[in-house]
Amino acid sequence: MNDSGTVQDASVAGEQVDSRALYRKIGLRLIPYIFILYILAYLDRVNVGFAALEMKRDLKLSDTVYGTGAGIFFLGSSLFDLPSNLLLGKVGPRLWIARIMITWGMIATGMAWAAGPHSFFALRFFLGVSEAGFFPGMILYLTYWFPSKERARAVATFMTATAIAGVVGAPLSSALLKLEGFVGLHGWQWLFISEGVPTILMGISVLFVLRDHPDDAPWLSDPEKKWLDEELQRDREAGGADNNHHVLDAFKMPMVWVLAGIFFLEQVGVYTVNLWMPLLLNTFVHAGAGPGAASLIARYATVPYVAAAIFMVAVGWNSDRTGERRWHIAGCMLLAAAGFGWASHASSLPTALCAMTLAAMGFWSIMGPFWALPTQVLGGQGAAGGVAIITMVGGIGGFTGPFMTGKLKDLTHSFQAGLLAIAGLAILGALLCAALRKPASEAK
């Protein structure tokens, strides 16, 4: 690479490759499409948070039952993340991502027919099983196209989908909940049907749109493919990924388990925001708001997600610019802790909304620098296994946060204890960052 980092020799008969232009081309081709896929994935896993405003009443679900059902998705996902991600490496991203999306879309649509606690638990669990491997598969897929120095920005941009899903999902859910009684269905049933069917259709489109590897992409020239192959190979060698390409390498690497612990704590907070924020904000709405309360909360709930999307891209960009990962992660965890601590003492809707906005900004913005670390030091099936291990442990956090919040809410009749507990866990996550060692390529 030359000093400017803009023009690279492709080693092909006098032709050159502009690396900046190449990464822009790849980003424009891949990121918007997988961004849409992830929005659908995220909507289908968290739309129950908006459905709960009416669903809890209709199905007579307690806070503990709702929190357990909302979180049990992550137990199903955790159990199957590793085998699913290993199969993606064998079968190829195109076929496996299509399979995942079609099956989870069918079960997400079926959520409309939950009739009580048992069917609610079962559908949420199998939604997690069917969706297992999608997120770690997408992280692995990006390593096929972007070297580590470009990865935090790519991951952060892709993962703004998790925040944009909140921006899109809140008003969309509000509109769908207004279909109460249409052809004999509740509004929350229309919410699940209307957000599940598009997932099935997009899953079918994956078979025609997604390409497994750069060598399969007709929109890349031969010099671009060759240069990118060589660049990715150099990156794997520099980070040590070539020496850690077996599944067992991931299990033996201490860094993977430290990252898994951090991700567990982060997911506790993320899914408490996703699955409980509408109900938390609803406690500050005047009792006389009636049926309009759900619409009001849905509008307010977009604010944290908009702020998180902006901050997430900024943190990912700065992490790539400086090459620093660990303290970006720690700083974001401390910001999230401050948000949850503030929320625990909120006495009005504006205060609670500002506090949850800080929490969302902190938890969401971790993603870019965080996912650049394991994929820098692991390659091949090792990367597939490492990412899956981290998401499996994180999935337990996704269950723990909603369940713990619901249980403490039933016991104390207040959100305060749950919010303070999650603030403490976020501080622990920031402290764990000190145990992360620099990858070899960063330490040089």
Protein backbone atom coordinates (compact mmCIF):
# COMPACT_ATOMS: atom_id res chain seq x y z
CA MET A 1 0.00 0.00 0.00
CA ASN A 2 1.31 3.45 -0.79
CA ASP A 3 1.43 6.25 1.78
CA SER A 4 -1.77 7.91 0.59
CA GLY A 5 -3.73 4.67 0.72
CA THR A 6 -5.71 5.69 -2.33
CA VAL A 7 -4.18 3.91 -5.33
CA GLN A 8 -2.95 0.36 -5.19
CA ASP A 9 -1.17 -1.83 -7.76
CA ALA A 10 -3.43 -4.72 -8.65
CA SER A 11 -0.53 -6.74 -10.09
CA VAL A 12 -2.49 -7.23 -13.31
CA ALA A 13 -0.91 -6.14 -16.57
CA GLY A 14 -0.33 -2.49 -15.75
CA GLU A 15 -3.83 -1.86 -14.34
CA GLN A 16 -4.28 -0.12 -11.01
CA VAL A 17 -7.01 -0.16 -8.38
CA ASP A 18 -8.21 2.86 -6.43
CA SER A 19 -8.82 1.31 -3.00
CA ARG A 20 -11.06 4.11 -1.76
CA ALA A 21 -13.25 3.83 -4.84
CA LEU A 22 -13.31 0.04 -4.51
CA TYR A 23 -14.49 0.10 -0.91
CA ARG A 24 -17.11 2.72 -1.80
CA LYS A 25 -18.34 0.48 -4.62
CA ILE A 26 -18.52 -2.56 -2.35
CA GLY A 27 -20.22 -0.55 0.38
CA LEU A 28 -22.86 0.83 -1.98
CA ARG A 29 -23.55 -2.61 -3.42
CA LEU A 30 -23.73 -4.54 -0.15
CA ILE A 31 -24.52 -2.31 2.81
CA PRO A 32 -27.93 -0.88 1.72
CA TYR A 33 -29.25 -4.35 0.87
CA ILE A 34 -28.08 -6.18 4.00
CA PHE A 35 -29.12 -3.07 5.95
CA ILE A 36 -32.73 -3.68 4.81
CA LEU A 37 -32.44 -7.38 5.67
CA TYR A 38 -31.27 -6.53 9.17
CA ILE A 39 -34.06 -3.98 9.68
CA LEU A 40 -36.55 -6.76 8.98
CA ALA A 41 -34.70 -9.13 11.33
CA TYR A 42 -34.64 -6.56 14.09
CA LEU A 43 -38.28 -5.56 13.65
CA ASP A 44 -39.39 -9.18 13.90
CA ARG A 45 -37.48 -9.77 17.12
CA VAL A 46 -38.38 -6.52 18.93
CA ASN A 47 -41.84 -5.58 17.57
CA VAL A 48 -43.27 -7.46 20.53
CA GLY A 49 -42.21 -4.44 22.61
CA PHE A 50 -44.78 -2.29 20.79
CA ALA A 51 -47.32 -5.11 20.49
CA ALA A 52 -47.11 -5.51 24.28
CA LEU A 53 -48.91 -2.21 24.84
CA GLU A 54 -52.13 -4.01 23.81
CA MET A 55 -51.12 -7.69 23.71
CA LYS A 56 -50.43 -7.95 27.46
CA ARG A 57 -53.98 -6.86 28.19
CA ASP A 58 -55.68 -9.07 25.59
CA LEU A 59 -53.75 -12.23 26.55
CA LYS A 60 -53.65 -11.34 30.28
CA LEU A 61 -49.85 -11.57 30.50
CA SER A 62 -48.07 -10.47 33.69
CA ASP A 63 -44.82 -8.48 33.53
CA THR A 64 -42.86 -11.62 34.41
CA VAL A 65 -44.59 -13.66 31.68
CA TYR A 66 -44.06 -10.91 29.12
CA GLY A 67 -40.40 -10.44 30.07
CA THR A 68 -39.79 -14.19 29.92
CA GLY A 69 -41.46 -14.57 26.53
CA ALA A 70 -39.74 -11.51 25.11
CA GLY A 71 -36.37 -12.83 26.27
CA ILE A 72 -36.81 -16.53 25.47
CA PHE A 73 -36.18 -15.70 21.82
CA PHE A 74 -32.52 -15.33 22.73
CA LEU A 75 -32.28 -18.75 24.33
CA GLY A 76 -33.45 -20.32 21.07
CA SER A 77 -31.03 -18.18 19.11
CA SER A 78 -28.11 -18.92 21.44
CA LEU A 79 -28.54 -22.68 21.22
CA PHE A 80 -28.25 -22.68 17.44
CA ASP A 81 -25.99 -19.71 16.59
CA LEU A 82 -22.81 -21.81 16.46
CA PRO A 83 -24.04 -24.70 14.28
CA SER A 84 -25.88 -22.25 12.04
CA ASN A 85 -22.81 -20.08 11.51
CA LEU A 86 -20.61 -23.10 10.80
CA LEU A 87 -23.16 -24.30 8.23
CA LEU A 88 -23.13 -20.85 6.62
CA GLY A 89 -19.38 -21.25 6.12
CA LYS A 90 -19.98 -24.64 4.45
CA VAL A 91 -23.14 -23.95 2.44
CA GLY A 92 -22.41 -20.32 1.53
CA PRO A 93 -24.05 -17.08 2.71
CA ARG A 94 -26.57 -16.79 -0.15
CA LEU A 95 -28.39 -20.08 0.42
CA TRP A 96 -28.13 -20.06 4.21
CA ILE A 97 -29.25 -16.45 4.75
CA ALA A 98 -32.21 -17.07 2.42
CA ARG A 99 -33.18 -20.16 4.44
CA ILE A 100 -32.94 -18.26 7.70
CA MET A 101 -35.08 -15.36 6.51
CA ILE A 102 -37.84 -17.47 4.98
CA THR A 103 -38.28 -19.66 8.06
CA TRP A 104 -38.11 -16.83 10.57
CA GLY A 105 -40.55 -14.77 8.47
CA MET A 106 -43.06 -17.60 8.66
CA ILE A 107 -42.77 -17.89 12.44
CA ALA A 108 -42.79 -14.10 12.91
CA THR A 109 -46.10 -14.01 11.01
CA GLY A 110 -47.36 -16.87 13.18
CA MET A 111 -46.85 -14.71 16.28
CA ALA A 112 -50.23 -13.21 15.41
CA TRP A 113 -51.86 -16.41 16.68
CA ALA A 114 -50.32 -16.46 20.15
CA ALA A 115 -53.21 -17.25 22.47
CA GLY A 116 -51.65 -17.30 25.93
CA PRO A 117 -48.39 -17.72 27.85
CA HIS A 118 -47.50 -21.17 26.50
CA SER A 119 -48.01 -20.39 22.82
CA PHE A 120 -46.30 -17.02 23.35
CA PHE A 121 -43.25 -18.76 24.84
CA ALA A 122 -43.16 -21.42 22.12
CA LEU A 123 -43.43 -18.98 19.21
CA ARG A 124 -40.78 -16.66 20.62
CA PHE A 125 -38.44 -19.58 21.25
CA PHE A 126 -38.79 -20.98 17.73
CA LEU A 127 -38.47 -17.49 16.28
CA GLY A 128 -35.03 -17.42 17.92
CA VAL A 129 -34.18 -20.91 16.64
CA SER A 130 -35.11 -20.00 13.06
CA GLU A 131 -33.24 -16.68 13.15
CA ALA A 132 -30.09 -18.20 14.72
CA GLY A 133 -27.00 -17.46 12.69
CA PHE A 134 -28.34 -14.42 10.84
CA PHE A 135 -26.45 -11.75 12.75
CA PRO A 136 -23.16 -13.65 13.22
CA GLY A 137 -23.50 -14.72 9.58
CA MET A 138 -23.71 -11.09 8.47
CA ILE A 139 -20.66 -10.18 10.57
CA LEU A 140 -18.75 -13.10 9.02
CA TYR A 141 -19.97 -12.11 5.56
CA LEU A 142 -18.53 -8.60 5.90
CA THR A 143 -15.08 -10.11 6.61
CA TYR A 144 -15.19 -11.58 3.08
CA TRP A 145 -15.29 -8.05 1.64
CA PHE A 146 -13.64 -5.61 4.08
CA PRO A 147 -10.20 -5.83 5.78
CA SER A 148 -10.05 -5.04 9.50
CA LYS A 149 -9.05 -1.41 9.02
CA GLU A 150 -12.30 -0.78 7.11
CA ARG A 151 -14.49 -3.06 9.17
CA ALA A 152 -15.64 -0.95 12.13
CA ARG A 153 -17.15 1.62 9.77
CA ALA A 154 -18.78 -1.07 7.61
CA VAL A 155 -20.19 -2.91 10.65
CA ALA A 156 -21.39 0.33 12.27
CA THR A 157 -23.12 1.44 9.07
CA PHE A 158 -24.74 -1.97 8.62
CA MET A 159 -25.79 -2.09 12.26
CA THR A 160 -27.43 1.31 12.22
CA ALA A 161 -30.26 -0.90 10.95
CA THR A 162 -30.86 -1.84 14.60
CA ALA A 163 -31.44 1.82 15.41
CA ILE A 164 -33.31 2.64 12.20
CA ALA A 165 -35.58 -0.34 12.90
CA GLY A 166 -36.67 1.56 15.99
CA VAL A 167 -37.21 4.75 13.98
CA VAL A 168 -39.25 2.91 11.33
CA GLY A 169 -40.81 0.40 13.67
CA ALA A 170 -42.30 2.87 16.15
CA PRO A 171 -44.59 4.81 13.75
CA LEU A 172 -45.26 1.69 11.68
CA SER A 173 -46.29 -0.24 14.78
CA SER A 174 -48.42 2.68 15.90
CA ALA A 175 -50.26 2.70 12.56
CA LEU A 176 -50.77 -1.08 12.57
CA LEU A 177 -52.09 -1.08 16.13
CA LYS A 178 -54.87 1.22 14.87
CA LEU A 179 -56.19 -1.69 12.75
CA GLU A 180 -57.79 -3.04 15.92
CA GLY A 181 -60.88 -5.06 14.96
CA PHE A 182 -60.25 -5.04 11.19
CA VAL A 183 -61.58 -8.37 9.82
CA GLY A 184 -61.82 -9.59 13.38
CA LEU A 185 -58.13 -9.29 14.29
CA HIS A 186 -56.46 -7.23 17.00
CA GLY A 187 -54.08 -4.44 16.07
CA TRP A 188 -51.13 -6.34 17.53
CA GLN A 189 -51.99 -9.31 15.29
CA TRP A 190 -51.85 -7.07 12.22
CA LEU A 191 -48.49 -5.81 13.46
CA PHE A 192 -46.99 -9.32 13.42
CA ILE A 193 -48.54 -10.26 10.07
CA SER A 194 -47.56 -7.03 8.31
CA GLU A 195 -43.95 -7.18 9.53
CA GLY A 196 -43.50 -10.93 9.04
CA VAL A 197 -44.63 -11.38 5.43
CA PRO A 198 -42.06 -8.92 3.94
CA THR A 199 -39.29 -10.96 5.60
CA ILE A 200 -40.37 -14.06 3.65
CA LEU A 201 -40.34 -12.10 0.39
CA MET A 202 -36.92 -10.58 1.06
CA GLY A 203 -35.60 -14.02 1.96
CA ILE A 204 -36.56 -15.21 -1.51
CA SER A 205 -34.82 -12.17 -3.02
CA VAL A 206 -31.54 -13.12 -1.29
CA LEU A 207 -31.25 -16.10 -3.66
CA PHE A 208 -31.02 -13.68 -6.58
CA VAL A 209 -29.20 -10.68 -5.11
CA LEU A 210 -26.52 -11.81 -2.62
CA ARG A 211 -23.08 -12.98 -3.78
CA ASP A 212 -21.06 -15.38 -1.64
CA HIS A 213 -17.57 -13.91 -2.25
CA PRO A 214 -15.89 -11.08 -4.21
CA ASP A 215 -14.83 -13.61 -6.86
CA ASP A 216 -18.55 -14.22 -7.56
CA ALA A 217 -19.37 -10.54 -8.03
CA PRO A 218 -19.90 -9.59 -11.71
CA TRP A 219 -19.73 -5.90 -10.75
CA LEU A 220 -16.04 -6.18 -9.75
CA SER A 221 -13.32 -6.20 -12.40
CA ASP A 222 -10.65 -8.91 -12.43
CA PRO A 223 -7.97 -6.47 -11.17
CA GLU A 224 -10.28 -5.38 -8.33
CA LYS A 225 -10.97 -9.00 -7.34
CA LYS A 226 -7.27 -9.86 -7.38
CA TRP A 227 -6.24 -6.79 -5.39
CA LEU A 228 -8.99 -7.38 -2.81
CA ASP A 229 -8.02 -11.05 -2.41
CA GLU A 230 -4.41 -10.04 -1.78
CA GLU A 231 -5.40 -7.24 0.62
CA LEU A 232 -7.64 -9.55 2.67
CA GLN A 233 -4.90 -12.16 2.79
CA ARG A 234 -2.36 -9.59 4.06
CA ASP A 235 -4.86 -8.47 6.67
CA ARG A 236 -5.42 -12.04 7.91
CA GLU A 237 -1.68 -12.59 8.19
CA ALA A 238 -1.11 -9.29 10.02
CA GLY A 239 -3.83 -9.97 12.60
CA GLY A 240 -2.89 -13.62 13.10
CA ALA A 241 -6.16 -14.88 11.59
CA ASP A 242 -4.31 -17.30 9.33
CA ASN A 243 -2.95 -19.03 12.43
CA ASN A 244 -6.40 -19.20 14.08
CA HIS A 245 -8.70 -20.58 11.42
CA HIS A 246 -10.10 -23.70 13.13
CA VAL A 247 -13.21 -23.74 15.33
CA LEU A 248 -11.18 -24.96 18.32
CA ASP A 249 -8.89 -21.94 17.97
CA ALA A 250 -11.86 -19.73 18.82
CA PHE A 251 -12.67 -21.75 21.96
CA LYS A 252 -9.04 -21.57 23.13
CA MET A 253 -8.58 -17.83 22.64
CA PRO A 254 -9.09 -15.85 25.92
CA MET A 255 -9.94 -12.70 23.97
CA VAL A 256 -13.05 -14.39 22.54
CA TRP A 257 -14.39 -15.13 26.03
CA VAL A 258 -13.67 -11.61 27.30
CA LEU A 259 -15.51 -10.23 24.28
CA ALA A 260 -18.35 -12.67 24.95
CA GLY A 261 -18.63 -11.34 28.51
CA ILE A 262 -18.75 -7.74 27.29
CA PHE A 263 -21.31 -8.63 24.65
CA PHE A 264 -23.47 -10.43 27.24
CA LEU A 265 -23.58 -7.26 29.36
CA GLU A 266 -24.22 -5.07 26.33
CA GLN A 267 -27.11 -7.24 25.14
CA VAL A 268 -28.71 -7.12 28.60
CA GLY A 269 -29.04 -3.37 28.08
CA VAL A 270 -29.88 -3.35 24.36
CA TYR A 271 -32.87 -5.60 24.69
CA THR A 272 -34.11 -3.95 27.84
CA VAL A 273 -34.26 -0.76 25.77
CA ASN A 274 -35.92 -2.54 22.84
CA LEU A 275 -38.45 -4.60 24.74
CA TRP A 276 -39.22 -2.47 27.80
CA MET A 277 -38.73 1.16 26.76
CA PRO A 278 -42.28 1.57 25.36
CA LEU A 279 -43.72 0.24 28.62
CA LEU A 280 -41.34 2.37 30.71
CA LEU A 281 -42.29 5.54 28.84
CA ASN A 282 -45.95 4.58 29.09
CA THR A 283 -45.78 4.89 32.90
CA PHE A 284 -45.35 8.66 32.44
CA VAL A 285 -48.36 9.07 30.14
CA HIS A 286 -51.49 10.45 31.77
CA ALA A 287 -54.02 7.75 32.56
CA GLY A 288 -56.63 9.58 30.52
CA ALA A 289 -54.67 9.23 27.29
CA GLY A 290 -56.67 6.05 26.50
CA PRO A 291 -56.15 4.34 23.14
CA GLY A 292 -53.97 7.21 21.94
CA ALA A 293 -51.25 6.29 24.45
CA ALA A 294 -49.72 3.64 22.18
CA SER A 295 -49.46 6.10 19.29
CA LEU A 296 -47.96 8.77 21.55
CA ILE A 297 -45.33 6.40 22.96
CA ALA A 298 -44.46 5.10 19.50
CA ARG A 299 -43.72 8.65 18.35
CA TYR A 300 -41.52 9.45 21.34
CA ALA A 301 -39.71 6.10 21.11
CA THR A 302 -38.12 7.10 17.78
CA VAL A 303 -35.90 9.72 19.46
CA PRO A 304 -33.39 7.34 21.14
CA TYR A 305 -33.01 5.34 17.93
CA VAL A 306 -32.30 8.39 15.75
CA ALA A 307 -29.63 9.59 18.18
CA ALA A 308 -28.15 6.08 18.42
CA ALA A 309 -27.90 5.75 14.62
CA ILE A 310 -25.98 9.03 14.29
CA PHE A 311 -23.64 8.35 17.21
CA MET A 312 -23.04 4.79 16.07
CA VAL A 313 -21.66 5.84 12.68
CA ALA A 314 -19.54 8.57 14.28
CA VAL A 315 -17.98 6.15 16.77
CA GLY A 316 -17.31 3.55 14.06
CA TRP A 317 -15.68 6.18 11.84
CA ASN A 318 -13.48 7.47 14.66
CA SER A 319 -12.47 3.96 15.70
CA ASP A 320 -11.33 3.18 12.15
CA ARG A 321 -9.58 6.56 11.86
CA THR A 322 -7.56 6.05 15.04
CA GLY A 323 -7.27 2.26 14.88
CA GLU A 324 -8.34 2.14 18.55
CA ARG A 325 -11.11 -0.25 19.67
CA ARG A 326 -11.01 -1.04 23.39
CA TRP A 327 -11.51 2.40 24.89
CA HIS A 328 -14.17 3.29 22.35
CA ILE A 329 -16.10 0.27 23.68
CA ALA A 330 -15.46 1.19 27.33
CA GLY A 331 -16.54 4.80 26.80
CA CYS A 332 -19.79 3.71 25.17
CA MET A 333 -20.55 1.31 28.04
CA LEU A 334 -20.06 4.12 30.58
CA LEU A 335 -22.38 6.40 28.58
CA ALA A 336 -25.02 3.65 28.62
CA ALA A 337 -24.55 3.19 32.37
CA ALA A 338 -25.12 6.90 32.90
CA GLY A 339 -28.31 6.73 30.82
CA PHE A 340 -29.78 3.82 32.77
CA GLY A 341 -28.78 5.36 36.10
CA TRP A 342 -30.51 8.60 35.13
CA ALA A 343 -33.60 6.74 33.89
CA SER A 344 -33.95 5.01 37.27
CA HIS A 345 -34.56 8.41 38.89
CA ALA A 346 -36.67 9.93 36.08
CA SER A 347 -39.89 11.57 37.25
CA SER A 348 -41.27 12.79 33.92
CA LEU A 349 -41.59 11.64 30.32
CA PRO A 350 -39.00 14.13 28.91
CA THR A 351 -36.43 13.10 31.54
CA ALA A 352 -37.00 9.38 30.95
CA LEU A 353 -36.77 9.93 27.19
CA CYS A 354 -33.47 11.83 27.47
CA ALA A 355 -32.05 9.16 29.79
CA MET A 356 -33.02 6.30 27.49
CA THR A 357 -31.55 8.23 24.56
CA LEU A 358 -28.16 8.30 26.31
CA ALA A 359 -28.48 4.59 27.09
CA ALA A 360 -29.30 3.76 23.47
CA MET A 361 -26.44 5.90 22.15
CA GLY A 362 -24.01 4.08 24.42
CA PHE A 363 -25.13 0.51 23.84
CA TRP A 364 -25.63 0.80 20.08
CA SER A 365 -22.36 2.62 19.37
CA ILE A 366 -20.26 -0.22 20.73
CA MET A 367 -21.01 -2.35 17.69
CA GLY A 368 -18.52 -1.01 15.15
CA PRO A 369 -15.30 -1.17 17.20
CA PHE A 370 -16.47 -4.30 19.02
CA TRP A 371 -16.97 -6.49 15.94
CA ALA A 372 -13.71 -5.33 14.36
CA LEU A 373 -11.77 -7.14 17.12
CA PRO A 374 -12.68 -10.87 16.85
CA THR A 375 -12.71 -10.86 13.05
CA GLN A 376 -9.22 -9.34 13.05
CA VAL A 377 -7.59 -12.22 14.92
CA LEU A 378 -9.66 -15.18 13.68
CA GLY A 379 -10.14 -16.50 10.16
CA GLY A 380 -12.12 -19.17 8.29
CA GLN A 381 -14.11 -21.53 10.54
CA GLY A 382 -12.32 -19.94 13.50
CA ALA A 383 -13.97 -16.61 12.70
CA ALA A 384 -17.34 -18.31 12.18
CA GLY A 385 -16.96 -20.10 15.52
CA GLY A 386 -15.66 -17.06 17.40
CA VAL A 387 -18.44 -14.76 16.23
CA ALA A 388 -21.01 -17.45 17.03
CA ILE A 389 -19.58 -18.04 20.52
CA ILE A 390 -19.83 -14.32 21.26
CA THR A 391 -23.39 -14.06 19.95
CA MET A 392 -24.42 -17.22 21.81
CA VAL A 393 -23.25 -15.77 25.12
CA GLY A 394 -24.77 -12.42 24.15
CA GLY A 395 -28.06 -14.15 23.46
CA ILE A 396 -28.21 -15.21 27.10
CA GLY A 397 -27.84 -11.52 27.91
CA GLY A 398 -30.71 -10.79 25.53
CA PHE A 399 -32.85 -13.15 27.63
CA THR A 400 -31.52 -11.97 31.00
CA GLY A 401 -32.26 -8.25 30.52
CA PRO A 402 -35.97 -8.48 29.64
CA PHE A 403 -36.60 -11.31 32.13
CA MET A 404 -34.81 -9.54 34.99
CA THR A 405 -36.61 -6.27 34.28
CA GLY A 406 -40.01 -7.96 34.25
CA LYS A 407 -39.32 -9.97 37.41
CA LEU A 408 -38.05 -6.95 39.36
CA LYS A 409 -40.98 -4.88 38.10
CA ASP A 410 -43.46 -7.46 39.45
CA LEU A 411 -41.58 -7.70 42.78
CA THR A 412 -41.08 -3.96 43.38
CA HIS A 413 -43.86 -2.44 41.23
CA SER A 414 -41.25 -0.09 39.82
CA PHE A 415 -38.67 -0.02 37.03
CA GLN A 416 -36.01 1.53 39.30
CA ALA A 417 -34.34 -1.65 40.59
CA GLY A 418 -34.01 -3.17 37.12
CA LEU A 419 -32.62 0.03 35.61
CA LEU A 420 -30.03 0.41 38.38
CA ALA A 421 -28.98 -3.23 38.00
CA ILE A 422 -28.38 -2.78 34.28
CA ALA A 423 -26.42 0.44 34.90
CA GLY A 424 -24.13 -1.53 37.23
CA LEU A 425 -23.68 -4.28 34.64
CA ALA A 426 -22.73 -1.69 32.00
CA ILE A 427 -20.00 -0.35 34.31
CA LEU A 428 -18.73 -3.92 34.71
CA GLY A 429 -18.61 -4.19 30.92
CA ALA A 430 -16.47 -1.05 30.72
CA LEU A 431 -14.07 -2.52 33.29
CA LEU A 432 -13.79 -5.76 31.31
CA CYS A 433 -12.37 -3.77 28.39
CA ALA A 434 -9.13 -3.44 30.36
CA ALA A 435 -8.67 -7.21 29.95
CA LEU A 436 -8.69 -6.96 26.16
CA ARG A 437 -5.24 -7.24 24.63
CA LYS A 438 -4.31 -5.43 21.45
CA PRO A 439 -4.25 -7.56 18.30
CA ALA A 440 -0.76 -8.06 16.89
CA SER A 441 -1.36 -5.70 13.97
CA GLU A 442 -2.57 -2.92 16.29
CA ALA A 443 0.29 -3.35 18.74
CA LYS A 444 2.98 -2.79 16.11
